[in-house]
Amino acid sequence: MDFVILGWPEDGPRLRLDYRRFSYAGKFTPPKTGKAVIRDPDGELPLLDDDRPAPSGGPDSLGPLAEDVVAAVAFNEDRTDPTTLWFRYVTVRHDRRGDGLGPELLRKTAEAAAERGYETVRIATNNPFAYEACHKAGFAFTGRETGLAELVLERPAGEPASVSRDQYQSGLDRYRARDLGADEEAFLAARDGADPPAVGSP
């Protein structure tokens, strides 16, 4: 598999993903964010059991669907701090979820950001599964939330953040105080009192 920076925010890359296979597919077509992907050119696409129609041709400027992409992230520079990059949308192809591609993509994109001169990378998560994945990519909970009740995590661009068990659990506690589905509640119960996951763990 190949990690590729398609372009930085000022480059305005656009990426056309199949909305039947990716969450947030439409968020990757606007040109105002940078994009990075993991590609699997030899991977075989599974058949879809989906009644929704296939995406049509779309504008010529977007080109064909990116059939070899298995994970993608869109990012932009912080409006008030040019040394900080925000990861805005992260998506993994539905059939590849659980393979560790999300954390790998975030980690490699953060390292590329460091090479470009960024000092800090931030992301906001809206569920405990994304929160866990971000810790596997070297992020740590800051104790802050966005106005949309998303938890803000960050890391130095060039290396994983140092995170304590209490810091990790404090973010999980925020989710525990919310009305969640059965899968999320079971996940949180299983992580009660646990150490943060190791960076790079599956």
C-alpha atoms as a PDB file:
ATOM      1  CA  MET A   1       0.000   0.000   0.000  1.00  0.00           C
ATOM      2  CA  ASP A   2       1.134   3.504  -0.769  1.00  0.00           C
ATOM      3  CA  PHE A   3       0.821   6.705   1.270  1.00  0.00           C
ATOM      4  CA  VAL A   4       0.403   9.775  -0.948  1.00  0.00           C
ATOM      5  CA  ILE A   5      -0.012  13.477  -0.217  1.00  0.00           C
ATOM      6  CA  LEU A   6      -2.299  14.573  -3.066  1.00  0.00           C
ATOM      7  CA  GLY A   7      -1.652  18.214  -2.225  1.00  0.00           C
ATOM      8  CA  TRP A   8      -1.563  20.811   0.555  1.00  0.00           C
ATOM      9  CA  PRO A   9      -4.434  23.262   1.147  1.00  0.00           C
ATOM     10  CA  GLU A  10      -2.985  25.879  -1.190  1.00  0.00           C
ATOM     11  CA  ASP A  11      -2.746  23.246  -3.957  1.00  0.00           C
ATOM     12  CA  GLY A  12      -6.502  22.614  -3.801  1.00  0.00           C
ATOM     13  CA  PRO A  13      -6.503  18.892  -4.682  1.00  0.00           C
ATOM     14  CA  ARG A  14      -9.882  17.290  -5.254  1.00  0.00           C
ATOM     15  CA  LEU A  15     -10.721  13.650  -4.636  1.00  0.00           C
ATOM     16  CA  ARG A  16     -13.789  11.792  -5.856  1.00  0.00           C
ATOM     17  CA  LEU A  17     -14.780   8.904  -3.568  1.00  0.00           C
ATOM     18  CA  ASP A  18     -17.725   6.499  -3.883  1.00  0.00           C
ATOM     19  CA  TYR A  19     -20.292   7.563  -1.284  1.00  0.00           C
ATOM     20  CA  ARG A  20     -21.469   3.949  -1.027  1.00  0.00           C
ATOM     21  CA  ARG A  21     -18.015   2.881   0.200  1.00  0.00           C
ATOM     22  CA  PHE A  22     -16.843   5.915   2.202  1.00  0.00           C
ATOM     23  CA  SER A  23     -18.368   8.106   4.898  1.00  0.00           C
ATOM     24  CA  TYR A  24     -17.978  11.849   4.234  1.00  0.00           C
ATOM     25  CA  ALA A  25     -17.215  11.159   0.536  1.00  0.00           C
ATOM     26  CA  GLY A  26     -18.535  14.576  -0.508  1.00  0.00           C
ATOM     27  CA  LYS A  27     -16.152  16.369   1.870  1.00  0.00           C
ATOM     28  CA  PHE A  28     -13.180  15.422  -0.318  1.00  0.00           C
ATOM     29  CA  THR A  29     -14.293  17.224  -3.491  1.00  0.00           C
ATOM     30  CA  PRO A  30     -13.920  20.880  -2.367  1.00  0.00           C
ATOM     31  CA  PRO A  31     -10.559  22.386  -3.358  1.00  0.00           C
ATOM     32  CA  LYS A  32      -9.887  24.382  -0.168  1.00  0.00           C
ATOM     33  CA  THR A  33      -8.335  21.552   1.838  1.00  0.00           C
ATOM     34  CA  GLY A  34      -5.236  19.432   1.456  1.00  0.00           C
ATOM     35  CA  LYS A  35      -5.704  15.697   0.975  1.00  0.00           C
ATOM     36  CA  ALA A  36      -3.659  12.585   1.717  1.00  0.00           C
ATOM     37  CA  VAL A  37      -4.558   8.976   0.988  1.00  0.00           C
ATOM     38  CA  ILE A  38      -3.516   5.389   1.395  1.00  0.00           C
ATOM     39  CA  ARG A  39      -3.818   3.539  -1.899  1.00  0.00           C
ATOM     40  CA  ASP A  40      -3.965  -0.191  -2.535  1.00  0.00           C
ATOM     41  CA  PRO A  41      -3.551  -0.472  -6.314  1.00  0.00           C
ATOM     42  CA  ASP A  42      -3.618  -4.272  -6.144  1.00  0.00           C
ATOM     43  CA  GLY A  43      -6.621  -4.500  -3.831  1.00  0.00           C
ATOM     44  CA  GLU A  44      -9.778  -6.033  -5.242  1.00  0.00           C
ATOM     45  CA  LEU A  45     -12.980  -4.118  -4.581  1.00  0.00           C
ATOM     46  CA  PRO A  46     -15.645  -6.276  -2.945  1.00  0.00           C
ATOM     47  CA  LEU A  47     -19.104  -6.468  -4.466  1.00  0.00           C
ATOM     48  CA  LEU A  48     -21.523  -3.980  -2.976  1.00  0.00           C
ATOM     49  CA  ASP A  49     -24.765  -5.008  -1.364  1.00  0.00           C
ATOM     50  CA  ASP A  50     -26.230  -1.542  -1.720  1.00  0.00           C
ATOM     51  CA  ASP A  51     -29.468  -0.455  -3.379  1.00  0.00           C
ATOM     52  CA  ARG A  52     -28.302   3.117  -3.908  1.00  0.00           C
ATOM     53  CA  PRO A  53     -27.363   4.041  -7.478  1.00  0.00           C
ATOM     54  CA  ALA A  54     -23.706   4.200  -8.445  1.00  0.00           C
ATOM     55  CA  PRO A  55     -22.215   7.689  -8.570  1.00  0.00           C
ATOM     56  CA  SER A  56     -22.685   9.281 -11.970  1.00  0.00           C
ATOM     57  CA  GLY A  57     -19.938  10.895 -14.040  1.00  0.00           C
ATOM     58  CA  GLY A  58     -19.822  14.132 -12.065  1.00  0.00           C
ATOM     59  CA  PRO A  59     -17.992  17.244 -13.160  1.00  0.00           C
ATOM     60  CA  ASP A  60     -15.094  16.603 -15.537  1.00  0.00           C
ATOM     61  CA  SER A  61     -12.733  18.436 -13.183  1.00  0.00           C
ATOM     62  CA  LEU A  62     -13.194  15.739 -10.552  1.00  0.00           C
ATOM     63  CA  GLY A  63     -12.323  12.850 -12.833  1.00  0.00           C
ATOM     64  CA  PRO A  64     -13.235   9.217 -12.233  1.00  0.00           C
ATOM     65  CA  LEU A  65     -13.815   7.621  -8.853  1.00  0.00           C
ATOM     66  CA  ALA A  66     -10.600   6.899  -6.958  1.00  0.00           C
ATOM     67  CA  GLU A  67     -11.062   3.132  -6.913  1.00  0.00           C
ATOM     68  CA  ASP A  68      -7.631   2.386  -5.416  1.00  0.00           C
ATOM     69  CA  VAL A  69      -8.049   4.612  -2.338  1.00  0.00           C
ATOM     70  CA  VAL A  70      -8.693   2.768   0.939  1.00  0.00           C
ATOM     71  CA  ALA A  71      -8.316   5.710   3.364  1.00  0.00           C
ATOM     72  CA  ALA A  72      -8.313   9.497   3.012  1.00  0.00           C
ATOM     73  CA  VAL A  73      -7.852  12.591   5.180  1.00  0.00           C
ATOM     74  CA  ALA A  74      -8.654  16.242   4.386  1.00  0.00           C
ATOM     75  CA  PHE A  75      -6.841  18.999   6.282  1.00  0.00           C
ATOM     76  CA  ASN A  76      -6.352  22.749   6.461  1.00  0.00           C
ATOM     77  CA  GLU A  77      -4.154  25.275   8.228  1.00  0.00           C
ATOM     78  CA  ASP A  78      -5.442  26.831  11.443  1.00  0.00           C
ATOM     79  CA  ARG A  79      -6.851  30.310  10.693  1.00  0.00           C
ATOM     80  CA  THR A  80      -5.050  31.944  13.622  1.00  0.00           C
ATOM     81  CA  ASP A  81      -1.870  29.858  13.874  1.00  0.00           C
ATOM     82  CA  PRO A  82       0.087  29.058  10.691  1.00  0.00           C
ATOM     83  CA  THR A  83       2.174  26.474  12.582  1.00  0.00           C
ATOM     84  CA  THR A  84      -0.899  24.284  13.245  1.00  0.00           C
ATOM     85  CA  LEU A  85      -2.674  21.930  10.842  1.00  0.00           C
ATOM     86  CA  TRP A  86      -6.218  20.644  11.461  1.00  0.00           C
ATOM     87  CA  PHE A  87      -7.310  17.217  10.237  1.00  0.00           C
ATOM     88  CA  ARG A  88     -10.953  17.813   9.272  1.00  0.00           C
ATOM     89  CA  TYR A  89     -12.308  14.607   7.760  1.00  0.00           C
ATOM     90  CA  VAL A  90     -10.943  11.090   7.925  1.00  0.00           C
ATOM     91  CA  THR A  91     -12.548   8.170   6.145  1.00  0.00           C
ATOM     92  CA  VAL A  92     -11.670   4.516   5.619  1.00  0.00           C
ATOM     93  CA  ARG A  93     -13.350   2.372   2.979  1.00  0.00           C
ATOM     94  CA  HIS A  94     -16.093   0.396   4.727  1.00  0.00           C
ATOM     95  CA  ASP A  95     -14.609  -3.032   3.964  1.00  0.00           C
ATOM     96  CA  ARG A  96     -11.197  -1.999   5.357  1.00  0.00           C
ATOM     97  CA  ARG A  97     -12.317  -0.596   8.704  1.00  0.00           C
ATOM     98  CA  GLY A  98     -10.557  -2.221  11.626  1.00  0.00           C
ATOM     99  CA  ASP A  99      -7.349  -2.788   9.636  1.00  0.00           C
ATOM    100  CA  GLY A 100      -5.500   0.090  11.337  1.00  0.00           C
ATOM    101  CA  LEU A 101      -5.479   2.250   8.183  1.00  0.00           C
ATOM    102  CA  GLY A 102      -7.002   5.333   9.846  1.00  0.00           C
ATOM    103  CA  PRO A 103      -4.303   5.643  12.522  1.00  0.00           C
ATOM    104  CA  GLU A 104      -1.577   4.866   9.965  1.00  0.00           C
ATOM    105  CA  LEU A 105      -2.860   7.588   7.629  1.00  0.00           C
ATOM    106  CA  LEU A 106      -3.074  10.147  10.453  1.00  0.00           C
ATOM    107  CA  ARG A 107       0.421   9.309  11.703  1.00  0.00           C
ATOM    108  CA  LYS A 108       2.031   9.536   8.258  1.00  0.00           C
ATOM    109  CA  THR A 109       0.204  12.759   7.399  1.00  0.00           C
ATOM    110  CA  ALA A 110       1.346  14.318  10.702  1.00  0.00           C
ATOM    111  CA  GLU A 111       4.940  13.340   9.908  1.00  0.00           C
ATOM    112  CA  ALA A 112       4.627  14.872   6.423  1.00  0.00           C
ATOM    113  CA  ALA A 113       3.240  18.043   8.042  1.00  0.00           C
ATOM    114  CA  ALA A 114       6.318  18.204  10.289  1.00  0.00           C
ATOM    115  CA  GLU A 115       8.582  17.968   7.233  1.00  0.00           C
ATOM    116  CA  ARG A 116       6.644  20.883   5.747  1.00  0.00           C
ATOM    117  CA  GLY A 117       7.288  22.986   8.866  1.00  0.00           C
ATOM    118  CA  TYR A 118       4.095  22.542  10.876  1.00  0.00           C
ATOM    119  CA  GLU A 119       4.626  22.182  14.617  1.00  0.00           C
ATOM    120  CA  THR A 120       1.236  20.925  15.816  1.00  0.00           C
ATOM    121  CA  VAL A 121      -1.553  18.806  14.353  1.00  0.00           C
ATOM    122  CA  ARG A 122      -5.101  18.842  15.781  1.00  0.00           C
ATOM    123  CA  ILE A 123      -8.250  16.824  15.217  1.00  0.00           C
ATOM    124  CA  ALA A 124     -11.754  16.841  16.736  1.00  0.00           C
ATOM    125  CA  THR A 125     -13.567  13.541  17.330  1.00  0.00           C
ATOM    126  CA  ASN A 126     -17.267  12.897  17.801  1.00  0.00           C
ATOM    127  CA  ASN A 127     -17.230   9.263  18.960  1.00  0.00           C
ATOM    128  CA  PRO A 128     -15.097   6.971  21.145  1.00  0.00           C
ATOM    129  CA  PHE A 129     -13.951   4.806  18.214  1.00  0.00           C
ATOM    130  CA  ALA A 130     -12.386   7.813  16.456  1.00  0.00           C
ATOM    131  CA  TYR A 131     -10.951   8.957  19.799  1.00  0.00           C
ATOM    132  CA  GLU A 132      -9.214   5.579  20.195  1.00  0.00           C
ATOM    133  CA  ALA A 133      -7.919   5.620  16.608  1.00  0.00           C
ATOM    134  CA  CYS A 134      -6.416   9.071  17.152  1.00  0.00           C
ATOM    135  CA  HIS A 135      -4.549   7.850  20.235  1.00  0.00           C
ATOM    136  CA  LYS A 136      -3.116   5.024  18.120  1.00  0.00           C
ATOM    137  CA  ALA A 137      -1.841   7.758  15.790  1.00  0.00           C
ATOM    138  CA  GLY A 138      -0.056   9.579  18.624  1.00  0.00           C
ATOM    139  CA  PHE A 139      -2.686  12.183  19.550  1.00  0.00           C
ATOM    140  CA  ALA A 140      -3.675  13.113  23.108  1.00  0.00           C
ATOM    141  CA  PHE A 141      -6.849  14.678  24.502  1.00  0.00           C
ATOM    142  CA  THR A 142      -6.387  18.391  25.246  1.00  0.00           C
ATOM    143  CA  GLY A 143      -9.308  18.673  27.686  1.00  0.00           C
ATOM    144  CA  ARG A 144     -11.128  20.974  25.235  1.00  0.00           C
ATOM    145  CA  GLU A 145     -14.261  20.514  23.140  1.00  0.00           C
ATOM    146  CA  THR A 146     -15.488  22.267  20.023  1.00  0.00           C
ATOM    147  CA  GLY A 147     -18.841  24.040  19.902  1.00  0.00           C
ATOM    148  CA  LEU A 148     -20.224  20.817  18.393  1.00  0.00           C
ATOM    149  CA  ALA A 149     -19.208  18.803  21.480  1.00  0.00           C
ATOM    150  CA  GLU A 150     -16.326  17.151  19.638  1.00  0.00           C
ATOM    151  CA  LEU A 151     -13.249  16.372  21.724  1.00  0.00           C
ATOM    152  CA  VAL A 152     -10.078  18.144  20.578  1.00  0.00           C
ATOM    153  CA  LEU A 153      -6.899  16.056  20.399  1.00  0.00           C
ATOM    154  CA  GLU A 154      -3.441  17.154  19.290  1.00  0.00           C
ATOM    155  CA  ARG A 155       0.114  15.988  18.850  1.00  0.00           C
ATOM    156  CA  PRO A 156       3.431  17.521  17.927  1.00  0.00           C
ATOM    157  CA  ALA A 157       3.638  17.106  14.164  1.00  0.00           C
ATOM    158  CA  GLY A 158       6.978  15.275  14.253  1.00  0.00           C
ATOM    159  CA  GLU A 159       6.434  12.842  17.116  1.00  0.00           C
ATOM    160  CA  PRO A 160       3.669  11.212  19.142  1.00  0.00           C
ATOM    161  CA  ALA A 161       2.275  13.088  22.127  1.00  0.00           C
ATOM    162  CA  SER A 162       2.994  11.917  25.637  1.00  0.00           C
ATOM    163  CA  VAL A 163      -0.290  10.843  27.240  1.00  0.00           C
ATOM    164  CA  SER A 164      -1.139   9.550  30.699  1.00  0.00           C
ATOM    165  CA  ARG A 165      -3.830   7.063  31.650  1.00  0.00           C
ATOM    166  CA  ASP A 166      -5.762   9.831  33.464  1.00  0.00           C
ATOM    167  CA  GLN A 167      -5.632  12.114  30.436  1.00  0.00           C
ATOM    168  CA  TYR A 168      -6.820   9.298  28.133  1.00  0.00           C
ATOM    169  CA  GLN A 169      -9.595   8.251  30.520  1.00  0.00           C
ATOM    170  CA  SER A 170     -10.784  11.854  30.963  1.00  0.00           C
ATOM    171  CA  GLY A 171     -11.773  11.933  27.290  1.00  0.00           C
ATOM    172  CA  LEU A 172     -13.522   8.570  27.517  1.00  0.00           C
ATOM    173  CA  ASP A 173     -15.400   9.901  30.555  1.00  0.00           C
ATOM    174  CA  ARG A 174     -16.796  12.727  28.408  1.00  0.00           C
ATOM    175  CA  TYR A 175     -18.287  10.120  26.085  1.00  0.00           C
ATOM    176  CA  ARG A 176     -19.557   8.052  29.015  1.00  0.00           C
ATOM    177  CA  ALA A 177     -21.688  11.035  30.077  1.00  0.00           C
ATOM    178  CA  ARG A 178     -23.511  11.031  26.708  1.00  0.00           C
ATOM    179  CA  ASP A 179     -26.425   9.099  25.272  1.00  0.00           C
ATOM    180  CA  LEU A 180     -24.682   6.395  23.227  1.00  0.00           C
ATOM    181  CA  GLY A 181     -25.486   3.290  21.244  1.00  0.00           C
ATOM    182  CA  ALA A 182     -24.907  -0.230  22.556  1.00  0.00           C
ATOM    183  CA  ASP A 183     -21.644  -0.702  20.619  1.00  0.00           C
ATOM    184  CA  GLU A 184     -20.185   2.531  21.985  1.00  0.00           C
ATOM    185  CA  GLU A 185     -21.245   1.698  25.543  1.00  0.00           C
ATOM    186  CA  ALA A 186     -19.685  -1.770  25.289  1.00  0.00           C
ATOM    187  CA  PHE A 187     -16.461  -0.269  23.938  1.00  0.00           C
ATOM    188  CA  LEU A 188     -16.279   2.274  26.759  1.00  0.00           C
ATOM    189  CA  ALA A 189     -16.947  -0.407  29.369  1.00  0.00           C
ATOM    190  CA  ALA A 190     -14.115  -2.516  27.948  1.00  0.00           C
ATOM    191  CA  ARG A 191     -11.711   0.455  28.125  1.00  0.00           C
ATOM    192  CA  ASP A 192     -12.623   1.449  31.702  1.00  0.00           C
ATOM    193  CA  GLY A 193      -9.383   2.007  33.635  1.00  0.00           C
ATOM    194  CA  ALA A 194      -7.209   0.957  30.677  1.00  0.00           C
ATOM    195  CA  ASP A 195      -3.973   2.576  29.597  1.00  0.00           C
ATOM    196  CA  PRO A 196      -3.977   4.478  26.307  1.00  0.00           C
ATOM    197  CA  PRO A 197      -3.352   2.244  23.292  1.00  0.00           C
ATOM    198  CA  ALA A 198       0.192   2.030  22.002  1.00  0.00           C
ATOM    199  CA  VAL A 199       1.011   4.250  19.046  1.00  0.00           C
ATOM    200  CA  GLY A 200       0.936   2.105  15.924  1.00  0.00           C
ATOM    201  CA  SER A 201      -1.163  -0.644  17.506  1.00  0.00           C
ATOM    202  CA  PRO A 202      -3.831  -2.231  15.268  1.00  0.00           C
END
